[in-house]
């Protein structure tokens, strides 16, 4: 039997709301990856482990935050989120990258390489 190596996972991404969005995202001292998602969304649940691992691996360099669009219409409409999951990176309070849909960890890391 062979041993399987696993990557330790961090806790779940931080939760943001319309009320905490400015503090959690816009005024963060590092780039922030926001997942605009919903509890009922299968692709959102699919990408959750990827985001959890990424948050642990990039701690101090990238903050990962989840925002439930069903309960936070201000952020959803302000940033034009029409589909979930939408992933958006903010740097210095401004969106600098976005993508729609679940993706593998490798693909997400490749896409984020240019904005981190």
N, C-alpha and C. Protein backbone atom coordinates (compact mmCIF):
# COMPACT_ATOMS: atom_id res chain seq x y z
N UNK A 1 0.85 -1.17 0.00
CA UNK A 1 0.00 0.00 0.00
C UNK A 1 0.90 1.23 0.00
N UNK A 2 0.57 2.22 -0.82
CA UNK A 2 1.37 3.44 -0.88
C UNK A 2 0.71 4.53 -0.07
N UNK A 3 1.53 5.38 0.50
CA UNK A 3 1.00 6.51 1.26
C UNK A 3 0.58 7.60 0.30
N UNK A 4 -0.48 8.24 0.62
CA UNK A 4 -0.97 9.32 -0.21
C UNK A 4 -0.65 10.64 0.47
N UNK A 5 0.00 11.53 -0.25
CA UNK A 5 0.33 12.82 0.32
C UNK A 5 -0.85 13.76 0.12
N UNK A 6 -1.19 14.48 1.17
CA UNK A 6 -2.26 15.45 1.07
C UNK A 6 -1.74 16.80 1.54
N UNK A 7 -2.34 17.82 1.02
CA UNK A 7 -2.00 19.17 1.44
C UNK A 7 -2.87 19.54 2.61
N UNK A 8 -2.27 20.00 3.71
CA UNK A 8 -3.12 20.40 4.82
C UNK A 8 -4.01 21.55 4.39
N UNK A 9 -5.25 21.52 4.80
CA UNK A 9 -6.15 22.58 4.40
C UNK A 9 -6.36 23.54 5.56
N UNK A 10 -6.53 24.79 5.22
CA UNK A 10 -6.82 25.80 6.21
C UNK A 10 -8.31 25.76 6.51
N UNK A 11 -8.74 26.61 7.39
CA UNK A 11 -10.16 26.71 7.68
C UNK A 11 -10.88 27.32 6.49
N UNK A 12 -12.18 27.44 6.62
CA UNK A 12 -12.95 28.01 5.51
C UNK A 12 -12.56 29.46 5.27
N UNK A 13 -12.76 29.96 4.05
CA UNK A 13 -12.49 31.37 3.78
C UNK A 13 -13.33 32.27 4.69
N UNK A 14 -12.84 33.46 4.94
CA UNK A 14 -13.58 34.43 5.75
C UNK A 14 -14.90 34.75 5.05
N UNK A 15 -15.90 35.10 5.84
CA UNK A 15 -17.20 35.49 5.29
C UNK A 15 -17.27 37.01 5.25
N UNK A 16 -17.73 37.55 4.15
CA UNK A 16 -17.96 38.99 4.04
C UNK A 16 -19.45 39.22 3.82
N UNK A 17 -19.91 40.38 4.23
CA UNK A 17 -21.29 40.78 4.01
C UNK A 17 -21.26 42.19 3.40
N UNK A 18 -22.42 42.69 3.02
CA UNK A 18 -22.49 44.06 2.52
C UNK A 18 -21.93 45.02 3.57
N UNK A 19 -22.22 44.75 4.84
CA UNK A 19 -21.78 45.63 5.93
C UNK A 19 -20.28 45.55 6.17
N UNK A 20 -19.66 44.40 5.96
CA UNK A 20 -18.23 44.24 6.27
C UNK A 20 -17.35 44.29 5.02
N UNK A 21 -17.94 44.46 3.85
CA UNK A 21 -17.19 44.38 2.60
C UNK A 21 -16.03 45.38 2.54
N UNK A 22 -16.27 46.60 2.95
CA UNK A 22 -15.20 47.61 2.89
C UNK A 22 -14.03 47.20 3.77
N UNK A 23 -14.30 46.76 4.98
CA UNK A 23 -13.22 46.38 5.90
C UNK A 23 -12.53 45.09 5.47
N UNK A 24 -13.30 44.09 5.07
CA UNK A 24 -12.75 42.78 4.73
C UNK A 24 -12.03 42.77 3.38
N UNK A 25 -12.51 43.59 2.44
CA UNK A 25 -12.02 43.51 1.06
C UNK A 25 -11.32 44.80 0.63
N UNK A 26 -12.04 45.90 0.67
CA UNK A 26 -11.53 47.13 0.07
C UNK A 26 -10.36 47.73 0.84
N UNK A 27 -10.33 47.57 2.17
CA UNK A 27 -9.24 48.13 2.97
C UNK A 27 -8.25 47.08 3.46
N UNK A 28 -8.29 45.89 2.89
CA UNK A 28 -7.34 44.85 3.29
C UNK A 28 -5.94 45.26 2.83
N UNK A 29 -4.94 44.86 3.57
CA UNK A 29 -3.57 45.22 3.23
C UNK A 29 -2.93 44.33 2.19
N UNK A 30 -3.65 43.33 1.72
CA UNK A 30 -3.15 42.39 0.72
C UNK A 30 -4.23 42.22 -0.35
N UNK A 31 -3.89 41.67 -1.52
CA UNK A 31 -4.93 41.37 -2.50
C UNK A 31 -5.97 40.41 -1.89
N UNK A 32 -7.21 40.55 -2.30
CA UNK A 32 -8.30 39.74 -1.76
C UNK A 32 -9.02 39.04 -2.91
N UNK A 33 -9.15 37.72 -2.81
CA UNK A 33 -9.93 36.93 -3.75
C UNK A 33 -11.31 36.74 -3.13
N UNK A 34 -12.33 37.28 -3.77
CA UNK A 34 -13.70 37.15 -3.28
C UNK A 34 -14.44 36.14 -4.15
N UNK A 35 -15.05 35.18 -3.49
CA UNK A 35 -15.95 34.25 -4.19
C UNK A 35 -17.36 34.74 -3.94
N UNK A 36 -18.01 35.25 -4.98
CA UNK A 36 -19.41 35.61 -4.92
C UNK A 36 -20.17 34.31 -5.22
N UNK A 37 -20.82 33.75 -4.20
CA UNK A 37 -21.46 32.46 -4.39
C UNK A 37 -22.78 32.36 -3.66
N UNK A 38 -23.31 31.14 -3.59
CA UNK A 38 -24.58 30.88 -2.91
C UNK A 38 -24.57 29.45 -2.39
N UNK A 39 -25.28 29.24 -1.29
CA UNK A 39 -25.33 27.91 -0.67
C UNK A 39 -25.95 26.87 -1.59
N UNK A 40 -26.88 27.26 -2.46
CA UNK A 40 -27.59 26.32 -3.32
C UNK A 40 -26.82 25.97 -4.60
N UNK A 41 -25.66 26.59 -4.79
CA UNK A 41 -24.91 26.50 -6.05
C UNK A 41 -23.91 25.35 -6.03
N UNK A 42 -24.13 24.28 -6.83
CA UNK A 42 -23.18 23.16 -6.84
C UNK A 42 -21.74 23.55 -7.23
N UNK A 43 -21.52 24.37 -8.26
CA UNK A 43 -20.13 24.75 -8.56
C UNK A 43 -19.47 25.54 -7.42
N UNK A 44 -20.27 26.29 -6.65
CA UNK A 44 -19.73 27.01 -5.50
C UNK A 44 -19.23 26.02 -4.45
N UNK A 45 -19.99 24.98 -4.23
CA UNK A 45 -19.56 23.95 -3.27
C UNK A 45 -18.34 23.20 -3.80
N UNK A 46 -18.29 23.01 -5.12
CA UNK A 46 -17.17 22.31 -5.75
C UNK A 46 -15.86 23.08 -5.57
N UNK A 47 -15.88 24.39 -5.64
CA UNK A 47 -14.65 25.17 -5.56
C UNK A 47 -14.24 25.47 -4.12
N UNK A 48 -15.10 25.22 -3.16
CA UNK A 48 -14.80 25.53 -1.76
C UNK A 48 -13.50 24.90 -1.26
N UNK A 49 -13.24 23.60 -1.51
CA UNK A 49 -11.97 23.03 -1.04
C UNK A 49 -10.76 23.69 -1.70
N UNK A 50 -10.89 24.09 -2.96
CA UNK A 50 -9.80 24.76 -3.67
C UNK A 50 -9.50 26.08 -2.99
N UNK A 51 -10.54 26.83 -2.66
CA UNK A 51 -10.35 28.13 -2.01
C UNK A 51 -9.77 27.98 -0.60
N UNK A 52 -10.21 26.95 0.10
CA UNK A 52 -9.70 26.69 1.45
C UNK A 52 -8.20 26.39 1.40
N UNK A 53 -7.78 25.55 0.46
CA UNK A 53 -6.36 25.23 0.32
C UNK A 53 -5.56 26.46 -0.09
N UNK A 54 -6.09 27.22 -1.03
CA UNK A 54 -5.40 28.41 -1.51
C UNK A 54 -5.24 29.42 -0.37
N UNK A 55 -6.26 29.58 0.45
CA UNK A 55 -6.18 30.51 1.58
C UNK A 55 -5.05 30.11 2.53
N UNK A 56 -4.89 28.83 2.78
CA UNK A 56 -3.82 28.36 3.65
C UNK A 56 -2.45 28.54 3.04
N UNK A 57 -2.33 28.22 1.77
CA UNK A 57 -1.03 28.29 1.09
C UNK A 57 -0.57 29.72 0.83
N UNK A 58 -1.50 30.63 0.62
CA UNK A 58 -1.15 32.01 0.27
C UNK A 58 -1.35 32.98 1.44
N UNK A 59 -1.51 32.44 2.64
CA UNK A 59 -1.73 33.28 3.81
C UNK A 59 -0.64 34.35 3.92
N UNK A 60 -1.05 35.59 4.13
CA UNK A 60 -0.12 36.70 4.20
C UNK A 60 0.13 37.36 2.86
N UNK A 61 -0.18 36.66 1.79
CA UNK A 61 0.02 37.18 0.43
C UNK A 61 -1.31 37.41 -0.29
N UNK A 62 -2.33 36.61 0.08
CA UNK A 62 -3.65 36.70 -0.53
C UNK A 62 -4.68 36.33 0.53
N UNK A 63 -5.70 37.15 0.64
CA UNK A 63 -6.82 36.85 1.55
C UNK A 63 -7.95 36.29 0.70
N UNK A 64 -8.60 35.24 1.19
CA UNK A 64 -9.72 34.63 0.46
C UNK A 64 -10.99 34.85 1.27
N UNK A 65 -12.01 35.39 0.61
CA UNK A 65 -13.26 35.77 1.26
C UNK A 65 -14.43 35.23 0.45
N UNK A 66 -15.46 34.78 1.15
CA UNK A 66 -16.69 34.31 0.50
C UNK A 66 -17.81 35.28 0.80
N UNK A 67 -18.63 35.58 -0.20
CA UNK A 67 -19.79 36.45 -0.01
C UNK A 67 -21.02 35.76 -0.60
N UNK A 68 -22.05 35.58 0.21
CA UNK A 68 -23.29 34.94 -0.23
C UNK A 68 -24.16 35.99 -0.93
N UNK A 69 -24.33 35.84 -2.23
CA UNK A 69 -25.05 36.85 -3.02
C UNK A 69 -26.54 36.93 -2.66
N UNK A 70 -27.10 35.86 -2.14
CA UNK A 70 -28.51 35.87 -1.78
C UNK A 70 -28.80 36.80 -0.61
N UNK A 71 -27.81 37.01 0.24
CA UNK A 71 -28.00 37.83 1.44
C UNK A 71 -27.27 39.16 1.37
N UNK A 72 -26.58 39.43 0.28
CA UNK A 72 -25.77 40.64 0.16
C UNK A 72 -25.91 41.26 -1.22
N UNK A 73 -27.07 41.85 -1.49
CA UNK A 73 -27.34 42.37 -2.83
C UNK A 73 -26.49 43.60 -3.21
N UNK A 74 -26.05 44.38 -2.22
CA UNK A 74 -25.26 45.57 -2.55
C UNK A 74 -23.98 45.20 -3.28
N UNK A 75 -23.19 44.32 -2.69
CA UNK A 75 -21.91 43.94 -3.31
C UNK A 75 -22.15 43.27 -4.66
N UNK A 76 -23.15 42.41 -4.73
CA UNK A 76 -23.45 41.72 -5.98
C UNK A 76 -23.76 42.73 -7.09
N UNK A 77 -24.63 43.69 -6.81
CA UNK A 77 -25.01 44.64 -7.87
C UNK A 77 -23.91 45.66 -8.13
N UNK A 78 -23.18 46.07 -7.11
CA UNK A 78 -22.11 47.05 -7.28
C UNK A 78 -21.03 46.54 -8.22
N UNK A 79 -20.72 45.26 -8.13
CA UNK A 79 -19.65 44.69 -8.94
C UNK A 79 -20.16 43.88 -10.14
N UNK A 80 -21.46 44.00 -10.44
CA UNK A 80 -22.02 43.41 -11.66
C UNK A 80 -21.99 41.90 -11.70
N UNK A 81 -22.15 41.26 -10.55
CA UNK A 81 -22.12 39.80 -10.50
C UNK A 81 -23.46 39.25 -10.97
N UNK A 82 -23.44 38.53 -12.09
CA UNK A 82 -24.65 37.97 -12.67
C UNK A 82 -24.72 36.45 -12.57
N UNK A 83 -23.57 35.81 -12.36
CA UNK A 83 -23.51 34.34 -12.28
C UNK A 83 -22.67 33.95 -11.07
N UNK A 84 -22.96 32.77 -10.53
CA UNK A 84 -22.17 32.26 -9.41
C UNK A 84 -21.62 30.89 -9.77
N UNK A 85 -20.43 30.58 -9.32
CA UNK A 85 -19.55 31.48 -8.58
C UNK A 85 -18.84 32.45 -9.51
N UNK A 86 -18.72 33.68 -9.05
CA UNK A 86 -17.85 34.67 -9.69
C UNK A 86 -16.69 34.88 -8.74
N UNK A 87 -15.49 34.77 -9.27
CA UNK A 87 -14.28 35.01 -8.49
C UNK A 87 -13.73 36.36 -8.92
N UNK A 88 -13.38 37.19 -7.94
CA UNK A 88 -12.88 38.52 -8.25
C UNK A 88 -11.74 38.85 -7.30
N UNK A 89 -10.64 39.34 -7.84
CA UNK A 89 -9.51 39.77 -7.03
C UNK A 89 -9.53 41.29 -6.92
N UNK A 90 -9.42 41.78 -5.69
CA UNK A 90 -9.35 43.20 -5.41
C UNK A 90 -7.95 43.52 -4.91
N UNK A 91 -7.40 44.61 -5.41
CA UNK A 91 -6.10 45.10 -4.92
C UNK A 91 -6.27 46.60 -4.70
N UNK A 92 -5.88 47.06 -3.52
CA UNK A 92 -6.00 48.48 -3.17
C UNK A 92 -7.42 48.99 -3.39
N UNK A 93 -8.40 48.16 -3.06
CA UNK A 93 -9.80 48.55 -3.13
C UNK A 93 -10.44 48.49 -4.50
N UNK A 94 -9.70 48.04 -5.51
CA UNK A 94 -10.23 48.00 -6.87
C UNK A 94 -10.18 46.57 -7.43
N UNK A 95 -11.22 46.18 -8.18
CA UNK A 95 -11.17 44.86 -8.83
C UNK A 95 -10.13 44.86 -9.94
N UNK A 96 -9.26 43.84 -9.94
CA UNK A 96 -8.20 43.76 -10.95
C UNK A 96 -8.29 42.50 -11.81
N UNK A 97 -9.16 41.56 -11.42
CA UNK A 97 -9.30 40.31 -12.17
C UNK A 97 -10.63 39.68 -11.78
N UNK A 98 -11.27 39.03 -12.74
CA UNK A 98 -12.49 38.28 -12.41
C UNK A 98 -12.67 37.12 -13.38
N UNK A 99 -13.39 36.13 -12.91
CA UNK A 99 -13.71 34.95 -13.72
C UNK A 99 -15.00 34.35 -13.18
N UNK A 100 -15.71 33.65 -14.03
CA UNK A 100 -16.95 33.00 -13.64
C UNK A 100 -16.79 31.50 -13.75
N UNK A 101 -17.26 30.78 -12.72
CA UNK A 101 -17.27 29.33 -12.77
C UNK A 101 -16.21 28.69 -11.90
N UNK A 102 -16.46 27.44 -11.55
CA UNK A 102 -15.50 26.68 -10.76
C UNK A 102 -14.30 26.31 -11.63
N UNK A 103 -13.17 26.12 -10.99
CA UNK A 103 -11.95 25.74 -11.70
C UNK A 103 -11.07 24.93 -10.78
N UNK A 104 -10.12 24.24 -11.38
CA UNK A 104 -9.19 23.45 -10.59
C UNK A 104 -8.23 24.37 -9.86
N UNK A 105 -7.59 23.84 -8.86
CA UNK A 105 -6.61 24.62 -8.11
C UNK A 105 -5.47 25.07 -9.02
N UNK A 106 -4.98 24.17 -9.85
CA UNK A 106 -3.88 24.50 -10.75
C UNK A 106 -4.26 25.64 -11.70
N UNK A 107 -5.44 25.55 -12.28
CA UNK A 107 -5.88 26.60 -13.20
C UNK A 107 -6.03 27.93 -12.47
N UNK A 108 -6.62 27.90 -11.28
CA UNK A 108 -6.80 29.14 -10.52
C UNK A 108 -5.44 29.75 -10.15
N UNK A 109 -4.50 28.92 -9.74
CA UNK A 109 -3.16 29.43 -9.42
C UNK A 109 -2.51 30.07 -10.64
N UNK A 110 -2.68 29.45 -11.80
CA UNK A 110 -2.10 30.01 -13.03
C UNK A 110 -2.75 31.36 -13.35
N UNK A 111 -4.06 31.44 -13.20
CA UNK A 111 -4.76 32.68 -13.47
C UNK A 111 -4.41 33.78 -12.49
N UNK A 112 -4.17 33.43 -11.24
CA UNK A 112 -3.85 34.42 -10.23
C UNK A 112 -2.40 34.88 -10.27
N UNK A 113 -1.54 34.10 -10.93
CA UNK A 113 -0.12 34.43 -10.96
C UNK A 113 0.13 35.84 -11.49
N UNK A 114 -0.67 36.27 -12.42
CA UNK A 114 -0.47 37.60 -13.00
C UNK A 114 -0.97 38.75 -12.15
N UNK A 115 -1.77 38.47 -11.13
CA UNK A 115 -2.31 39.55 -10.31
C UNK A 115 -1.78 39.56 -8.89
N UNK A 116 -1.01 38.57 -8.53
CA UNK A 116 -0.43 38.55 -7.17
C UNK A 116 0.96 39.11 -7.15
